[in-house]
Amino acid sequence: MHRANIIRTADGTELFYRDWGSGTPVVFLSGWALPSDFWAYQMTPLSEAGFRCIAYDRRGHGRSSDPGFGYDYDTLADDLAAVLGALHLTDVQVVAHSMSAGEVIRYVSKRQALGIKRIALIGPTLPCLAKSPDNPDGVERALLHETRRQILEDGFPAWIEANARPFVNPDTPPAMIAWVRNMMISCSMKAVIDCNRAMIEADFRAELKRVHIPTLIIHGDRDASMPFELTSHRIVPLLPDVRLTVYENAPHGLPITHAARLNRDLETFLRSPPLSLPVAARRSA
């Protein structure tokens, strides 16, 4: 069920959403510790270009409720299903940044892509971050867990301050950095910690092979948060129908730093005929 700008999930969590424009529906999913406000510079021009742009705050983020549980990929994928169902969305295109790539991939793999016809992954955290015997190119778990230790011992504001500049470009205005910082500060600490744990422990290698819908991946070659070689470079061989575009000198926060270019690429992708993308990767400057 839902009332104005609120959708209630099966476990009682209330998800705040925004719904702008009319036309082909596009659902935007935000990255770790970020609310739907993060997509303002995509949703505004794309809604004016004839798309119905929808974004919601993940549980524990922004204006959604904080139930204190459910910050795992299965539950988060169910939350996406609740939004699609409550708004009666079909033939949806999904744009996901960072950790939310796992939310849409889990939804697609669990529900055979029900209602979703195309996805775009921006700086995804997939396929598998942690090093293991069958994932020798991953990162040592001790290093991955260091983020949570720093957040809990030094405080989340201090962690954001230390990592804000690598998230953007050297010429990004301080006011824009402050805007991102303020959005992250509002995130529930339980969501911050549990979502980070889910992101680190996830392994999507098998699921990606089952995603038989057109997929666009956009990644910055200066992404310090999720390096290209660890993530998108390894995703491409796993997806049956994928196009990869790498932005030179772009960081993890490229929806902010490269908004104009990203909007053009997204609009081209979102307007492309079904199944028109080649099963190949494209690297562009």
C-alpha atoms as a PDB file:
ATOM      1  CA  MET A   1       0.000   0.000   0.000  1.00  0.00           C
ATOM      2  CA  HIS A   2       1.084   3.617  -0.366  1.00  0.00           C
ATOM      3  CA  ARG A   3       0.001   7.145   0.452  1.00  0.00           C
ATOM      4  CA  ALA A   4       1.351  10.388  -0.965  1.00  0.00           C
ATOM      5  CA  ASN A   5       5.097   9.927  -1.517  1.00  0.00           C
ATOM      6  CA  ILE A   6       5.249   6.962   0.903  1.00  0.00           C
ATOM      7  CA  ILE A   7       5.226   3.254   0.066  1.00  0.00           C
ATOM      8  CA  ARG A   8       4.871   0.728   2.876  1.00  0.00           C
ATOM      9  CA  THR A   9       6.716  -2.563   2.394  1.00  0.00           C
ATOM     10  CA  ALA A  10       5.554  -5.981   3.602  1.00  0.00           C
ATOM     11  CA  ASP A  11       7.596  -5.631   6.821  1.00  0.00           C
ATOM     12  CA  GLY A  12       6.143  -2.196   7.592  1.00  0.00           C
ATOM     13  CA  THR A  13       9.070  -0.066   6.440  1.00  0.00           C
ATOM     14  CA  GLU A  14       7.998   3.247   4.920  1.00  0.00           C
ATOM     15  CA  LEU A  15       9.904   4.287   1.789  1.00  0.00           C
ATOM     16  CA  PHE A  16       9.826   7.918   0.703  1.00  0.00           C
ATOM     17  CA  TYR A  17       9.780   8.362  -3.070  1.00  0.00           C
ATOM     18  CA  ARG A  18       9.664  11.159  -5.626  1.00  0.00           C
ATOM     19  CA  ASP A  19       7.939  10.827  -8.999  1.00  0.00           C
ATOM     20  CA  TRP A  20       8.622  13.504 -11.610  1.00  0.00           C
ATOM     21  CA  GLY A  21       7.385  13.834 -15.170  1.00  0.00           C
ATOM     22  CA  SER A  22       5.535  11.460 -17.449  1.00  0.00           C
ATOM     23  CA  GLY A  23       6.454   8.980 -20.140  1.00  0.00           C
ATOM     24  CA  THR A  24       8.687   5.924 -20.019  1.00  0.00           C
ATOM     25  CA  PRO A  25       9.392   5.153 -16.333  1.00  0.00           C
ATOM     26  CA  VAL A  26      12.995   5.296 -15.118  1.00  0.00           C
ATOM     27  CA  VAL A  27      13.786   4.282 -11.539  1.00  0.00           C
ATOM     28  CA  PHE A  28      16.960   5.673  -9.957  1.00  0.00           C
ATOM     29  CA  LEU A  29      18.714   3.804  -7.132  1.00  0.00           C
ATOM     30  CA  SER A  30      21.277   5.628  -5.008  1.00  0.00           C
ATOM     31  CA  GLY A  31      24.637   4.451  -3.739  1.00  0.00           C
ATOM     32  CA  TRP A  32      25.776   3.593  -0.233  1.00  0.00           C
ATOM     33  CA  ALA A  33      24.675   6.119   2.426  1.00  0.00           C
ATOM     34  CA  LEU A  34      23.063   8.393  -0.185  1.00  0.00           C
ATOM     35  CA  PRO A  35      19.348   9.254  -0.546  1.00  0.00           C
ATOM     36  CA  SER A  36      17.347   9.862  -3.686  1.00  0.00           C
ATOM     37  CA  ASP A  37      18.318  13.566  -3.629  1.00  0.00           C
ATOM     38  CA  PHE A  38      21.645  12.473  -5.120  1.00  0.00           C
ATOM     39  CA  TRP A  39      19.952  12.046  -8.512  1.00  0.00           C
ATOM     40  CA  ALA A  40      18.664  15.624  -8.716  1.00  0.00           C
ATOM     41  CA  TYR A  41      20.953  16.528 -11.618  1.00  0.00           C
ATOM     42  CA  GLN A  42      19.766  13.545 -13.667  1.00  0.00           C
ATOM     43  CA  MET A  43      16.088  13.450 -12.757  1.00  0.00           C
ATOM     44  CA  THR A  44      15.462  17.131 -13.460  1.00  0.00           C
ATOM     45  CA  PRO A  45      16.677  17.236 -17.091  1.00  0.00           C
ATOM     46  CA  LEU A  46      15.464  13.731 -17.941  1.00  0.00           C
ATOM     47  CA  SER A  47      11.976  14.388 -16.591  1.00  0.00           C
ATOM     48  CA  GLU A  48      11.895  17.511 -18.740  1.00  0.00           C
ATOM     49  CA  ALA A  49      13.041  15.408 -21.710  1.00  0.00           C
ATOM     50  CA  GLY A  50       9.965  13.193 -21.549  1.00  0.00           C
ATOM     51  CA  PHE A  51      10.793  10.491 -19.001  1.00  0.00           C
ATOM     52  CA  ARG A  52       8.912   9.647 -15.826  1.00  0.00           C
ATOM     53  CA  CYS A  53      11.728   9.767 -13.257  1.00  0.00           C
ATOM     54  CA  ILE A  54      11.206   7.936  -9.960  1.00  0.00           C
ATOM     55  CA  ALA A  55      13.615   7.586  -7.054  1.00  0.00           C
ATOM     56  CA  TYR A  56      13.150   6.420  -3.486  1.00  0.00           C
ATOM     57  CA  ASP A  57      15.179   6.582  -0.316  1.00  0.00           C
ATOM     58  CA  ARG A  58      16.547   3.197   0.694  1.00  0.00           C
ATOM     59  CA  ARG A  59      15.379   2.101   4.164  1.00  0.00           C
ATOM     60  CA  GLY A  60      17.370   4.011   6.785  1.00  0.00           C
ATOM     61  CA  HIS A  61      18.249   6.706   4.240  1.00  0.00           C
ATOM     62  CA  GLY A  62      16.831  10.179   3.710  1.00  0.00           C
ATOM     63  CA  ARG A  63      13.140  10.427   4.536  1.00  0.00           C
ATOM     64  CA  SER A  64      12.438   6.687   4.667  1.00  0.00           C
ATOM     65  CA  SER A  65      11.918   4.987   8.001  1.00  0.00           C
ATOM     66  CA  ASP A  66      14.732   3.220   9.862  1.00  0.00           C
ATOM     67  CA  PRO A  67      13.477  -0.214  10.964  1.00  0.00           C
ATOM     68  CA  GLY A  68      16.922  -1.274  12.204  1.00  0.00           C
ATOM     69  CA  PHE A  69      16.980  -4.372   9.986  1.00  0.00           C
ATOM     70  CA  GLY A  70      16.741  -5.431   6.366  1.00  0.00           C
ATOM     71  CA  TYR A  71      19.966  -3.885   5.077  1.00  0.00           C
ATOM     72  CA  ASP A  72      20.812  -7.002   3.087  1.00  0.00           C
ATOM     73  CA  TYR A  73      20.514  -7.411  -0.663  1.00  0.00           C
ATOM     74  CA  ASP A  74      17.551  -9.793  -0.535  1.00  0.00           C
ATOM     75  CA  THR A  75      15.456  -7.361   1.489  1.00  0.00           C
ATOM     76  CA  LEU A  76      16.621  -4.343  -0.502  1.00  0.00           C
ATOM     77  CA  ALA A  77      15.646  -6.125  -3.729  1.00  0.00           C
ATOM     78  CA  ASP A  78      12.241  -6.814  -2.186  1.00  0.00           C
ATOM     79  CA  ASP A  79      11.952  -3.102  -1.415  1.00  0.00           C
ATOM     80  CA  LEU A  80      12.520  -2.369  -5.103  1.00  0.00           C
ATOM     81  CA  ALA A  81       9.774  -4.862  -5.920  1.00  0.00           C
ATOM     82  CA  ALA A  82       7.461  -3.094  -3.457  1.00  0.00           C
ATOM     83  CA  VAL A  83       8.049   0.232  -5.201  1.00  0.00           C
ATOM     84  CA  LEU A  84       7.456  -1.204  -8.675  1.00  0.00           C
ATOM     85  CA  GLY A  85       4.306  -2.930  -7.476  1.00  0.00           C
ATOM     86  CA  ALA A  86       2.848  -0.003  -5.543  1.00  0.00           C
ATOM     87  CA  LEU A  87       3.330   2.362  -8.485  1.00  0.00           C
ATOM     88  CA  HIS A  88       2.153  -0.273 -11.024  1.00  0.00           C
ATOM     89  CA  LEU A  89       5.321   0.146 -13.065  1.00  0.00           C
ATOM     90  CA  THR A  90       6.027  -2.020 -16.103  1.00  0.00           C
ATOM     91  CA  ASP A  91       8.678  -1.807 -18.824  1.00  0.00           C
ATOM     92  CA  VAL A  92      10.862   0.008 -16.336  1.00  0.00           C
ATOM     93  CA  GLN A  93      14.414   1.144 -16.924  1.00  0.00           C
ATOM     94  CA  VAL A  94      16.642   1.248 -13.840  1.00  0.00           C
ATOM     95  CA  VAL A  95      19.681   3.443 -13.252  1.00  0.00           C
ATOM     96  CA  ALA A  96      21.756   2.284 -10.273  1.00  0.00           C
ATOM     97  CA  HIS A  97      24.848   3.847  -8.715  1.00  0.00           C
ATOM     98  CA  SER A  98      27.507   2.077  -6.645  1.00  0.00           C
ATOM     99  CA  MET A  99      26.130  -0.502  -4.166  1.00  0.00           C
ATOM    100  CA  SER A 100      22.591  -0.234  -5.553  1.00  0.00           C
ATOM    101  CA  ALA A 101      23.766  -2.116  -8.648  1.00  0.00           C
ATOM    102  CA  GLY A 102      23.498  -5.195  -6.461  1.00  0.00           C
ATOM    103  CA  GLU A 103      19.910  -4.357  -5.558  1.00  0.00           C
ATOM    104  CA  VAL A 104      18.711  -4.349  -9.148  1.00  0.00           C
ATOM    105  CA  ILE A 105      20.798  -7.385 -10.123  1.00  0.00           C
ATOM    106  CA  ARG A 106      19.389  -9.338  -7.153  1.00  0.00           C
ATOM    107  CA  TYR A 107      15.874  -8.271  -8.154  1.00  0.00           C
ATOM    108  CA  VAL A 108      16.429  -9.357 -11.754  1.00  0.00           C
ATOM    109  CA  SER A 109      17.935 -12.703 -10.775  1.00  0.00           C
ATOM    110  CA  LYS A 110      15.180 -13.496  -8.246  1.00  0.00           C
ATOM    111  CA  ARG A 111      12.249 -12.349 -10.361  1.00  0.00           C
ATOM    112  CA  GLN A 112      13.429 -13.104 -13.915  1.00  0.00           C
ATOM    113  CA  ALA A 113      13.615  -9.359 -14.685  1.00  0.00           C
ATOM    114  CA  LEU A 114       9.874  -8.986 -14.063  1.00  0.00           C
ATOM    115  CA  GLY A 115       8.882  -5.497 -15.179  1.00  0.00           C
ATOM    116  CA  ILE A 116      12.427  -4.341 -15.994  1.00  0.00           C
ATOM    117  CA  LYS A 117      13.559  -4.033 -19.603  1.00  0.00           C
ATOM    118  CA  ARG A 118      16.907  -2.229 -19.337  1.00  0.00           C
ATOM    119  CA  ILE A 119      19.442  -1.283 -16.661  1.00  0.00           C
ATOM    120  CA  ALA A 120      22.322   1.170 -16.387  1.00  0.00           C
ATOM    121  CA  LEU A 121      25.004   0.622 -13.748  1.00  0.00           C
ATOM    122  CA  ILE A 122      27.075   3.657 -12.750  1.00  0.00           C
ATOM    123  CA  GLY A 123      30.304   2.908 -10.874  1.00  0.00           C
ATOM    124  CA  PRO A 124      28.990  -0.482  -9.649  1.00  0.00           C
ATOM    125  CA  THR A 125      30.511  -2.334  -6.705  1.00  0.00           C
ATOM    126  CA  LEU A 126      30.067  -5.714  -8.400  1.00  0.00           C
ATOM    127  CA  PRO A 127      30.854  -8.504  -9.002  1.00  0.00           C
ATOM    128  CA  CYS A 128      32.715  -9.594  -5.840  1.00  0.00           C
ATOM    129  CA  LEU A 129      34.963  -7.374  -3.710  1.00  0.00           C
ATOM    130  CA  ALA A 130      36.392  -9.697  -1.079  1.00  0.00           C
ATOM    131  CA  LYS A 131      39.402 -11.887  -1.777  1.00  0.00           C
ATOM    132  CA  SER A 132      38.847 -15.648  -1.449  1.00  0.00           C
ATOM    133  CA  PRO A 133      40.326 -18.855  -2.856  1.00  0.00           C
ATOM    134  CA  ASP A 134      38.074 -18.614  -5.919  1.00  0.00           C
ATOM    135  CA  ASN A 135      38.401 -14.810  -6.123  1.00  0.00           C
ATOM    136  CA  PRO A 136      42.165 -14.221  -5.815  1.00  0.00           C
ATOM    137  CA  ASP A 137      41.958 -10.776  -7.440  1.00  0.00           C
ATOM    138  CA  GLY A 138      39.700  -9.434  -4.702  1.00  0.00           C
ATOM    139  CA  VAL A 139      40.686  -7.210  -1.774  1.00  0.00           C
ATOM    140  CA  GLU A 140      41.799  -8.596   1.567  1.00  0.00           C
ATOM    141  CA  ARG A 141      38.844  -8.655   3.943  1.00  0.00           C
ATOM    142  CA  ALA A 142      40.809  -6.852   6.635  1.00  0.00           C
ATOM    143  CA  LEU A 143      41.208  -3.861   4.322  1.00  0.00           C
ATOM    144  CA  LEU A 144      37.528  -3.896   3.382  1.00  0.00           C
ATOM    145  CA  HIS A 145      36.471  -4.032   7.035  1.00  0.00           C
ATOM    146  CA  GLU A 146      38.691  -1.051   7.825  1.00  0.00           C
ATOM    147  CA  THR A 147      35.997   1.356   6.635  1.00  0.00           C
ATOM    148  CA  ARG A 148      33.564   0.197   9.323  1.00  0.00           C
ATOM    149  CA  ARG A 149      36.253   0.369  11.995  1.00  0.00           C
ATOM    150  CA  GLN A 150      37.138   3.924  11.038  1.00  0.00           C
ATOM    151  CA  ILE A 151      33.494   4.992  10.981  1.00  0.00           C
ATOM    152  CA  LEU A 152      32.768   3.536  14.408  1.00  0.00           C
ATOM    153  CA  GLU A 153      35.992   4.685  16.071  1.00  0.00           C
ATOM    154  CA  ASP A 154      36.547   8.078  14.427  1.00  0.00           C
ATOM    155  CA  GLY A 155      32.945   8.945  13.581  1.00  0.00           C
ATOM    156  CA  PHE A 156      31.101   9.075  10.278  1.00  0.00           C
ATOM    157  CA  PRO A 157      31.546  12.849   9.824  1.00  0.00           C
ATOM    158  CA  ALA A 158      35.327  12.439  10.088  1.00  0.00           C
ATOM    159  CA  TRP A 159      35.290   9.527   7.635  1.00  0.00           C
ATOM    160  CA  ILE A 160      33.258  11.538   5.109  1.00  0.00           C
ATOM    161  CA  GLU A 161      35.605  14.498   5.466  1.00  0.00           C
ATOM    162  CA  ALA A 162      38.645  12.309   4.794  1.00  0.00           C
ATOM    163  CA  ASN A 163      37.081  10.670   1.734  1.00  0.00           C
ATOM    164  CA  ALA A 164      35.068  13.521   0.226  1.00  0.00           C
ATOM    165  CA  ARG A 165      37.680  14.900  -2.148  1.00  0.00           C
ATOM    166  CA  PRO A 166      38.509  11.534  -3.841  1.00  0.00           C
ATOM    167  CA  PHE A 167      34.764  11.054  -4.416  1.00  0.00           C
ATOM    168  CA  VAL A 168      34.734  14.103  -6.717  1.00  0.00           C
ATOM    169  CA  ASN A 169      37.182  16.078  -8.883  1.00  0.00           C
ATOM    170  CA  PRO A 170      39.828  18.590  -7.807  1.00  0.00           C
ATOM    171  CA  ASP A 171      37.757  21.426  -9.262  1.00  0.00           C
ATOM    172  CA  THR A 172      34.455  20.381  -7.670  1.00  0.00           C
ATOM    173  CA  PRO A 173      33.155  23.381  -5.667  1.00  0.00           C
ATOM    174  CA  PRO A 174      33.253  23.052  -1.863  1.00  0.00           C
ATOM    175  CA  ALA A 175      29.530  23.815  -1.747  1.00  0.00           C
ATOM    176  CA  MET A 176      28.796  20.711  -3.848  1.00  0.00           C
ATOM    177  CA  ILE A 177      30.969  18.579  -1.574  1.00  0.00           C
ATOM    178  CA  ALA A 178      29.113  19.978   1.445  1.00  0.00           C
ATOM    179  CA  TRP A 179      25.804  19.038  -0.207  1.00  0.00           C
ATOM    180  CA  VAL A 180      26.918  15.417  -0.597  1.00  0.00           C
ATOM    181  CA  ARG A 181      28.323  15.379   2.939  1.00  0.00           C
ATOM    182  CA  ASN A 182      25.034  16.598   4.412  1.00  0.00           C
ATOM    183  CA  MET A 183      23.085  13.914   2.560  1.00  0.00           C
ATOM    184  CA  MET A 184      25.351  11.172   3.883  1.00  0.00           C
ATOM    185  CA  ILE A 185      25.293  12.506   7.441  1.00  0.00           C
ATOM    186  CA  SER A 186      21.518  12.016   7.540  1.00  0.00           C
ATOM    187  CA  CYS A 187      21.841   8.271   6.903  1.00  0.00           C
ATOM    188  CA  SER A 188      21.074   5.919   9.799  1.00  0.00           C
ATOM    189  CA  MET A 189      24.280   4.567  11.348  1.00  0.00           C
ATOM    190  CA  LYS A 190      22.734   1.095  11.360  1.00  0.00           C
ATOM    191  CA  ALA A 191      22.145   1.401   7.611  1.00  0.00           C
ATOM    192  CA  VAL A 192      25.669   2.764   7.043  1.00  0.00           C
ATOM    193  CA  ILE A 193      27.314  -0.187   8.798  1.00  0.00           C
ATOM    194  CA  ASP A 194      25.017  -2.974   7.633  1.00  0.00           C
ATOM    195  CA  CYS A 195      24.928  -1.828   4.000  1.00  0.00           C
ATOM    196  CA  ASN A 196      28.708  -1.630   3.970  1.00  0.00           C
ATOM    197  CA  ARG A 197      28.882  -5.186   5.308  1.00  0.00           C
ATOM    198  CA  ALA A 198      26.395  -6.436   2.691  1.00  0.00           C
ATOM    199  CA  MET A 199      28.363  -4.762  -0.092  1.00  0.00           C
ATOM    200  CA  ILE A 200      31.636  -6.350   1.040  1.00  0.00           C
ATOM    201  CA  GLU A 201      30.278  -9.858   1.528  1.00  0.00           C
ATOM    202  CA  ALA A 202      28.228 -10.019  -1.697  1.00  0.00           C
ATOM    203  CA  ASP A 203      29.156 -12.253  -4.620  1.00  0.00           C
ATOM    204  CA  PHE A 204      27.152 -11.573  -7.784  1.00  0.00           C
ATOM    205  CA  ARG A 205      29.265 -13.533 -10.255  1.00  0.00           C
ATOM    206  CA  ALA A 206      26.688 -16.267 -10.825  1.00  0.00           C
ATOM    207  CA  GLU A 207      23.717 -13.881 -10.852  1.00  0.00           C
ATOM    208  CA  LEU A 208      25.203 -11.566 -13.463  1.00  0.00           C
ATOM    209  CA  LYS A 209      25.301 -14.429 -15.964  1.00  0.00           C
ATOM    210  CA  ARG A 210      21.511 -14.685 -15.668  1.00  0.00           C
ATOM    211  CA  VAL A 211      20.826 -11.040 -16.536  1.00  0.00           C
ATOM    212  CA  HIS A 212      19.611 -11.303 -20.144  1.00  0.00           C
ATOM    213  CA  ILE A 213      18.505  -7.703 -20.597  1.00  0.00           C
ATOM    214  CA  PRO A 214      20.422  -4.809 -22.190  1.00  0.00           C
ATOM    215  CA  THR A 215      22.845  -3.303 -19.695  1.00  0.00           C
ATOM    216  CA  LEU A 216      24.936  -0.161 -19.854  1.00  0.00           C
ATOM    217  CA  ILE A 217      27.916   0.228 -17.526  1.00  0.00           C
ATOM    218  CA  ILE A 218      29.525   3.624 -17.001  1.00  0.00           C
ATOM    219  CA  HIS A 219      32.650   3.858 -14.871  1.00  0.00           C
ATOM    220  CA  GLY A 220      35.288   6.483 -14.202  1.00  0.00           C
ATOM    221  CA  ASP A 221      38.943   5.551 -14.665  1.00  0.00           C
ATOM    222  CA  ARG A 222      39.780   7.683 -11.613  1.00  0.00           C
ATOM    223  CA  ASP A 223      37.314   5.949  -9.330  1.00  0.00           C
ATOM    224  CA  ALA A 224      39.105   5.643  -5.981  1.00  0.00           C
ATOM    225  CA  SER A 225      36.119   4.119  -4.185  1.00  0.00           C
ATOM    226  CA  MET A 226      35.487   1.270  -6.621  1.00  0.00           C
ATOM    227  CA  PRO A 227      38.465   0.939  -9.002  1.00  0.00           C
ATOM    228  CA  PHE A 228      37.513   0.011 -12.545  1.00  0.00           C
ATOM    229  CA  GLU A 229      39.795  -3.039 -12.760  1.00  0.00           C
ATOM    230  CA  LEU A 230      38.231  -4.526  -9.611  1.00  0.00           C
ATOM    231  CA  THR A 231      34.630  -3.947 -10.641  1.00  0.00           C
ATOM    232  CA  SER A 232      33.243  -3.034 -14.077  1.00  0.00           C
ATOM    233  CA  HIS A 233      36.171  -4.563 -15.956  1.00  0.00           C
ATOM    234  CA  ARG A 234      35.287  -7.900 -14.359  1.00  0.00           C
ATOM    235  CA  ILE A 235      31.533  -7.509 -14.856  1.00  0.00           C
ATOM    236  CA  VAL A 236      31.626  -7.228 -18.641  1.00  0.00           C
ATOM    237  CA  PRO A 237      32.564 -10.877 -19.387  1.00  0.00           C
ATOM    238  CA  LEU A 238      29.731 -12.062 -17.139  1.00  0.00           C
ATOM    239  CA  LEU A 239      26.833 -10.146 -18.714  1.00  0.00           C
ATOM    240  CA  PRO A 240      25.283 -11.532 -21.906  1.00  0.00           C
ATOM    241  CA  ASP A 241      24.203  -8.139 -23.307  1.00  0.00           C
ATOM    242  CA  VAL A 242      26.390  -5.258 -22.156  1.00  0.00           C
ATOM    243  CA  ARG A 243      27.943  -2.014 -23.278  1.00  0.00           C
ATOM    244  CA  LEU A 244      30.752  -0.425 -21.266  1.00  0.00           C
ATOM    245  CA  THR A 245      31.731   3.228 -21.399  1.00  0.00           C
ATOM    246  CA  VAL A 246      34.696   4.476 -19.385  1.00  0.00           C
ATOM    247  CA  TYR A 247      34.939   8.165 -18.566  1.00  0.00           C
ATOM    248  CA  GLU A 248      38.463   9.505 -18.455  1.00  0.00           C
ATOM    249  CA  ASN A 249      39.385  11.418 -15.290  1.00  0.00           C
ATOM    250  CA  ALA A 250      36.023  10.643 -13.711  1.00  0.00           C
ATOM    251  CA  PRO A 251      35.667   9.680 -10.026  1.00  0.00           C
ATOM    252  CA  HIS A 252      33.066   7.592  -8.195  1.00  0.00           C
ATOM    253  CA  GLY A 253      30.824  10.638  -7.891  1.00  0.00           C
ATOM    254  CA  LEU A 254      30.568  11.075 -11.662  1.00  0.00           C
ATOM    255  CA  PRO A 255      26.791  11.695 -11.574  1.00  0.00           C
ATOM    256  CA  ILE A 256      27.812  15.035 -10.046  1.00  0.00           C
ATOM    257  CA  THR A 257      31.142  15.742 -11.719  1.00  0.00           C
ATOM    258  CA  HIS A 258      30.123  14.564 -15.193  1.00  0.00           C
ATOM    259  CA  ALA A 259      26.393  15.225 -15.020  1.00  0.00           C
ATOM    260  CA  ALA A 260      25.961  16.702 -18.514  1.00  0.00           C
ATOM    261  CA  ARG A 261      27.772  13.849 -20.244  1.00  0.00           C
ATOM    262  CA  LEU A 262      26.084  11.201 -18.128  1.00  0.00           C
ATOM    263  CA  ASN A 263      22.670  12.678 -18.909  1.00  0.00           C
ATOM    264  CA  ARG A 264      23.363  12.566 -22.645  1.00  0.00           C
ATOM    265  CA  ASP A 265      24.565   8.967 -22.478  1.00  0.00           C
ATOM    266  CA  LEU A 266      21.634   7.907 -20.317  1.00  0.00           C
ATOM    267  CA  GLU A 267      19.094   9.554 -22.607  1.00  0.00           C
ATOM    268  CA  THR A 268      20.604   7.829 -25.648  1.00  0.00           C
ATOM    269  CA  PHE A 269      20.545   4.481 -23.859  1.00  0.00           C
ATOM    270  CA  LEU A 270      17.052   4.919 -22.437  1.00  0.00           C
ATOM    271  CA  ARG A 271      15.669   5.795 -25.878  1.00  0.00           C
ATOM    272  CA  SER A 272      17.414   2.958 -27.720  1.00  0.00           C
ATOM    273  CA  PRO A 273      15.181   0.256 -29.237  1.00  0.00           C
ATOM    274  CA  PRO A 274      14.820  -2.955 -27.207  1.00  0.00           C
ATOM    275  CA  LEU A 275      17.654  -5.446 -27.626  1.00  0.00           C
ATOM    276  CA  SER A 276      19.573  -3.031 -29.821  1.00  0.00           C
ATOM    277  CA  LEU A 277      22.816  -3.080 -27.882  1.00  0.00           C
ATOM    278  CA  PRO A 278      25.671  -5.259 -29.125  1.00  0.00           C
ATOM    279  CA  VAL A 279      27.032  -7.992 -26.924  1.00  0.00           C
ATOM    280  CA  ALA A 280      30.327  -6.204 -26.663  1.00  0.00           C
ATOM    281  CA  ALA A 281      32.119  -3.581 -24.645  1.00  0.00           C
ATOM    282  CA  ARG A 282      32.945  -0.093 -25.832  1.00  0.00           C
ATOM    283  CA  ARG A 283      35.647   2.050 -24.223  1.00  0.00           C
ATOM    284  CA  SER A 284      35.286   5.749 -24.957  1.00  0.00           C
ATOM    285  CA  ALA A 285      37.121   8.818 -23.777  1.00  0.00           C
END
